[in-house]
């Protein structure tokens, strides 16, 4: 579904079931997967690669050099870049830096991700945070500059109160997580690259409930 006010530059690839809303622009060479949603005023740059099930909220630009894996959420007006030291007088089009946003990550509203970093699977960047370095899987990043404040489950809940075996349980899904080391959290019940079972894909518990 492509709204009549959107602009699609050929050639590009748009997967089945994807919706592109008002005033959005997909530039040539972009690859967008299946069942994605691009909100109003979204710009997808040349040769950007976006996986399946990605949701991009209003007023987001995804610049050349960015790769987004499956099931990523980009909140309203979040900012991505592709040059660390931009100058209007200096052309660095051949020097775009790579940014990788891995499966299931969330970037909150008005957050900024400096180019050249990798955001780990299911990490959670809070609204307004500024990410300046790589982020581990499941990490919760807050503040300016962004710092890790804890761990988030695949369902987006803080993981706290480990049991005597060091296992933390998501209050919504019941999935169990355990630290392998200080910077590596793993889910014990489902592989990070596996889709959610259908019975776990429907939300049952709000963040503050």
Protein backbone atom coordinates (compact mmCIF):
# COMPACT_ATOMS: atom_id res chain seq x y z
CA UNK A 1 0.00 0.00 0.00
CA UNK A 2 1.61 3.24 -1.15
CA UNK A 3 -0.23 6.49 -0.40
CA UNK A 4 -0.79 8.71 -3.41
CA UNK A 5 1.31 11.49 -1.85
CA UNK A 6 4.39 9.26 -1.40
CA UNK A 7 7.29 9.26 -3.90
CA UNK A 8 8.98 6.01 -4.93
CA UNK A 9 12.13 6.28 -7.04
CA UNK A 10 12.88 3.33 -9.29
CA UNK A 11 14.56 0.96 -9.16
CA UNK A 12 13.90 -0.15 -5.60
CA UNK A 13 12.43 -3.20 -3.88
CA UNK A 14 9.36 -3.09 -1.61
CA UNK A 15 8.13 -6.31 -0.05
CA UNK A 16 4.60 -7.64 0.04
CA UNK A 17 2.35 -6.22 2.74
CA UNK A 18 4.44 -3.09 3.33
CA UNK A 19 2.58 0.22 3.87
CA UNK A 20 4.06 3.60 2.97
CA UNK A 21 2.09 6.60 4.22
CA UNK A 22 1.68 10.30 3.42
CA UNK A 23 4.55 12.38 2.01
CA UNK A 24 7.18 9.65 2.40
CA UNK A 25 10.04 9.17 -0.07
CA UNK A 26 11.84 5.94 -0.97
CA UNK A 27 14.97 6.61 -3.01
CA UNK A 28 16.44 4.40 -5.70
CA UNK A 29 18.34 1.29 -4.72
CA UNK A 30 16.53 0.94 -1.39
CA UNK A 31 15.44 -2.54 -0.34
CA UNK A 32 12.45 -2.73 2.03
CA UNK A 33 11.20 -6.07 3.30
CA UNK A 34 7.73 -7.47 3.84
CA UNK A 35 5.06 -6.19 6.23
CA UNK A 36 6.87 -2.97 7.10
CA UNK A 37 5.14 0.31 8.01
CA UNK A 38 6.60 3.68 7.06
CA UNK A 39 4.69 6.53 8.70
CA UNK A 40 4.22 10.06 7.43
CA UNK A 41 7.19 12.05 6.13
CA UNK A 42 9.69 9.17 6.22
CA UNK A 43 12.71 9.31 3.93
CA UNK A 44 14.60 6.15 2.93
CA UNK A 45 17.96 6.92 1.32
CA UNK A 46 19.68 5.32 -1.64
CA UNK A 47 20.74 1.70 -1.11
CA UNK A 48 19.38 1.46 2.44
CA UNK A 49 18.48 -2.13 3.39
CA UNK A 50 15.47 -2.74 5.65
CA UNK A 51 14.30 -6.18 6.79
CA UNK A 52 10.82 -7.57 7.38
CA UNK A 53 8.34 -6.28 9.94
CA UNK A 54 10.10 -2.95 10.53
CA UNK A 55 8.02 -0.03 11.85
CA UNK A 56 9.28 3.50 11.19
CA UNK A 57 7.25 6.26 12.78
CA UNK A 58 6.65 9.80 11.47
CA UNK A 59 9.44 12.21 10.51
CA UNK A 60 12.37 9.78 10.34
CA UNK A 61 15.14 9.82 7.72
CA UNK A 62 17.14 6.63 7.18
CA UNK A 63 20.31 7.61 5.35
CA UNK A 64 22.55 5.74 2.93
CA UNK A 65 24.88 3.42 4.82
CA UNK A 66 22.21 2.12 7.21
CA UNK A 67 21.13 -1.50 7.43
CA UNK A 68 18.07 -2.37 9.52
CA UNK A 69 17.32 -6.00 10.33
CA UNK A 70 13.88 -7.56 10.94
CA UNK A 71 11.34 -6.31 13.50
CA UNK A 72 13.07 -3.03 14.37
CA UNK A 73 11.05 -0.09 15.74
CA UNK A 74 12.13 3.50 15.01
CA UNK A 75 10.22 6.03 17.10
CA UNK A 76 8.92 9.42 15.89
CA UNK A 77 11.57 11.96 14.87
CA UNK A 78 14.51 9.80 15.89
CA UNK A 79 17.72 10.80 14.12
CA UNK A 80 20.20 8.66 12.17
CA UNK A 81 23.34 10.02 10.54
CA UNK A 82 25.96 8.79 8.08
CA UNK A 83 28.88 11.22 8.48
CA UNK A 84 30.54 11.90 11.85
CA UNK A 85 32.09 15.24 10.90
CA UNK A 86 29.83 16.89 8.30
CA UNK A 87 30.85 20.14 6.63
CA UNK A 88 28.81 21.85 3.97
CA UNK A 89 31.98 22.73 2.00
CA UNK A 90 33.45 19.19 2.10
CA UNK A 91 31.87 16.44 -0.02
CA UNK A 92 32.02 13.13 1.85
CA UNK A 93 29.49 11.20 -0.22
CA UNK A 94 32.06 8.46 -0.81
CA UNK A 95 32.85 8.27 2.92
CA UNK A 96 29.46 7.42 4.40
CA UNK A 97 29.83 5.41 7.60
CA UNK A 98 27.89 2.20 8.19
CA UNK A 99 25.22 1.83 10.86
CA UNK A 100 23.72 -1.57 11.69
CA UNK A 101 20.50 -1.86 13.68
CA UNK A 102 20.04 -5.50 14.55
CA UNK A 103 16.89 -7.56 14.87
CA UNK A 104 14.18 -6.38 17.24
CA UNK A 105 15.91 -3.20 18.43
CA UNK A 106 13.86 -0.18 19.53
CA UNK A 107 14.90 3.46 19.14
CA UNK A 108 12.69 5.86 21.09
CA UNK A 109 11.25 9.18 19.99
CA UNK A 110 13.78 11.96 19.35
CA UNK A 111 16.75 9.71 20.11
CA UNK A 112 19.93 10.15 18.05
CA UNK A 113 22.18 7.37 16.78
CA UNK A 114 25.62 8.55 15.68
CA UNK A 115 26.75 6.72 12.56
CA UNK A 116 29.30 3.92 12.56
CA UNK A 117 27.77 1.98 15.46
CA UNK A 118 25.96 -1.33 15.80
CA UNK A 119 22.81 -1.57 17.91
CA UNK A 120 22.44 -5.10 19.26
CA UNK A 121 19.44 -7.38 19.00
CA UNK A 122 16.46 -6.30 21.11
CA UNK A 123 18.31 -3.38 22.66
CA UNK A 124 16.15 -0.47 23.79
CA UNK A 125 17.26 3.14 23.25
CA UNK A 126 15.12 5.41 25.41
CA UNK A 127 13.45 8.56 24.09
CA UNK A 128 15.91 11.43 23.68
CA UNK A 129 19.04 9.35 24.25
CA UNK A 130 22.18 9.91 22.15
CA UNK A 131 23.97 6.72 21.13
CA UNK A 132 27.68 7.21 20.42
CA UNK A 133 29.04 3.65 20.60
CA UNK A 134 28.04 0.03 20.01
CA UNK A 135 25.16 -1.30 22.09
CA UNK A 136 24.96 -4.91 23.37
CA UNK A 137 21.96 -7.18 22.77
CA UNK A 138 19.06 -6.42 25.15
CA UNK A 139 20.79 -3.35 26.65
CA UNK A 140 18.72 -0.40 27.93
CA UNK A 141 20.37 2.88 26.89
CA UNK A 142 19.39 6.21 28.43
CA UNK A 143 20.75 9.75 28.63
CA UNK A 144 23.10 12.09 26.78
CA UNK A 145 25.51 10.62 25.96
CA UNK A 146 23.72 7.29 26.14
CA UNK A 147 24.79 4.92 28.89
CA UNK A 148 23.58 1.45 29.70
CA UNK A 149 21.16 1.49 32.62
CA UNK A 150 20.13 -2.16 32.63
CA UNK A 151 18.65 -4.89 30.44
CA UNK A 152 15.34 -5.14 28.60
CA UNK A 153 13.49 -8.31 27.67
CA UNK A 154 12.46 -9.12 24.13
CA UNK A 155 8.97 -7.88 25.10
CA UNK A 156 10.33 -4.50 26.29
CA UNK A 157 10.32 -4.90 30.07
CA UNK A 158 13.21 -4.18 32.45
CA UNK A 159 14.90 -7.34 33.69
CA UNK A 160 15.56 -7.23 37.43
CA UNK A 161 15.83 -9.38 40.54
CA UNK A 162 17.82 -12.40 39.33
CA UNK A 163 17.13 -15.65 41.16
CA UNK A 164 19.92 -17.56 42.96
CA UNK A 165 20.99 -19.01 39.60
CA UNK A 166 21.29 -15.54 38.06
CA UNK A 167 18.16 -15.96 35.92
CA UNK A 168 15.89 -12.97 35.23
CA UNK A 169 12.33 -13.51 34.00
CA UNK A 170 10.29 -11.23 31.75
CA UNK A 171 7.08 -10.26 33.61
CA UNK A 172 5.00 -10.40 30.42
CA UNK A 173 6.22 -13.44 28.48
CA UNK A 174 7.83 -15.57 31.18
CA UNK A 175 10.93 -15.96 29.01
CA UNK A 176 14.10 -16.40 31.05
CA UNK A 177 17.38 -14.51 30.57
CA UNK A 178 20.86 -14.96 31.98
CA UNK A 179 24.15 -13.08 31.72
CA UNK A 180 26.98 -15.02 30.12
CA UNK A 181 29.37 -12.22 31.08
CA UNK A 182 29.11 -8.52 31.96
CA UNK A 183 28.17 -7.53 28.40
CA UNK A 184 26.38 -10.62 27.07
CA UNK A 185 22.77 -11.44 27.97
CA UNK A 186 21.07 -14.44 26.41
CA UNK A 187 17.53 -15.77 26.41
CA UNK A 188 17.37 -19.33 27.71
CA UNK A 189 14.06 -20.21 26.06
CA UNK A 190 14.21 -18.91 22.50
CA UNK A 191 17.01 -18.11 20.08
CA UNK A 192 17.57 -14.41 19.39
CA UNK A 193 17.14 -14.92 15.65
CA UNK A 194 13.95 -16.99 15.91
CA UNK A 195 10.51 -15.41 15.44
CA UNK A 196 8.24 -15.19 18.45
CA UNK A 197 5.77 -18.04 18.82
CA UNK A 198 2.29 -16.84 17.92
CA UNK A 199 1.04 -17.11 21.49
CA UNK A 200 3.75 -14.67 22.64
CA UNK A 201 3.37 -12.14 19.84
CA UNK A 202 0.25 -10.45 21.23
CA UNK A 203 0.97 -7.98 24.03
CA UNK A 204 -0.58 -8.76 27.39
CA UNK A 205 1.12 -6.35 29.80
CA UNK A 206 1.77 -2.64 29.41
CA UNK A 207 5.07 -1.17 30.62
CA UNK A 208 3.63 0.50 33.72
CA UNK A 209 0.94 -2.05 34.56
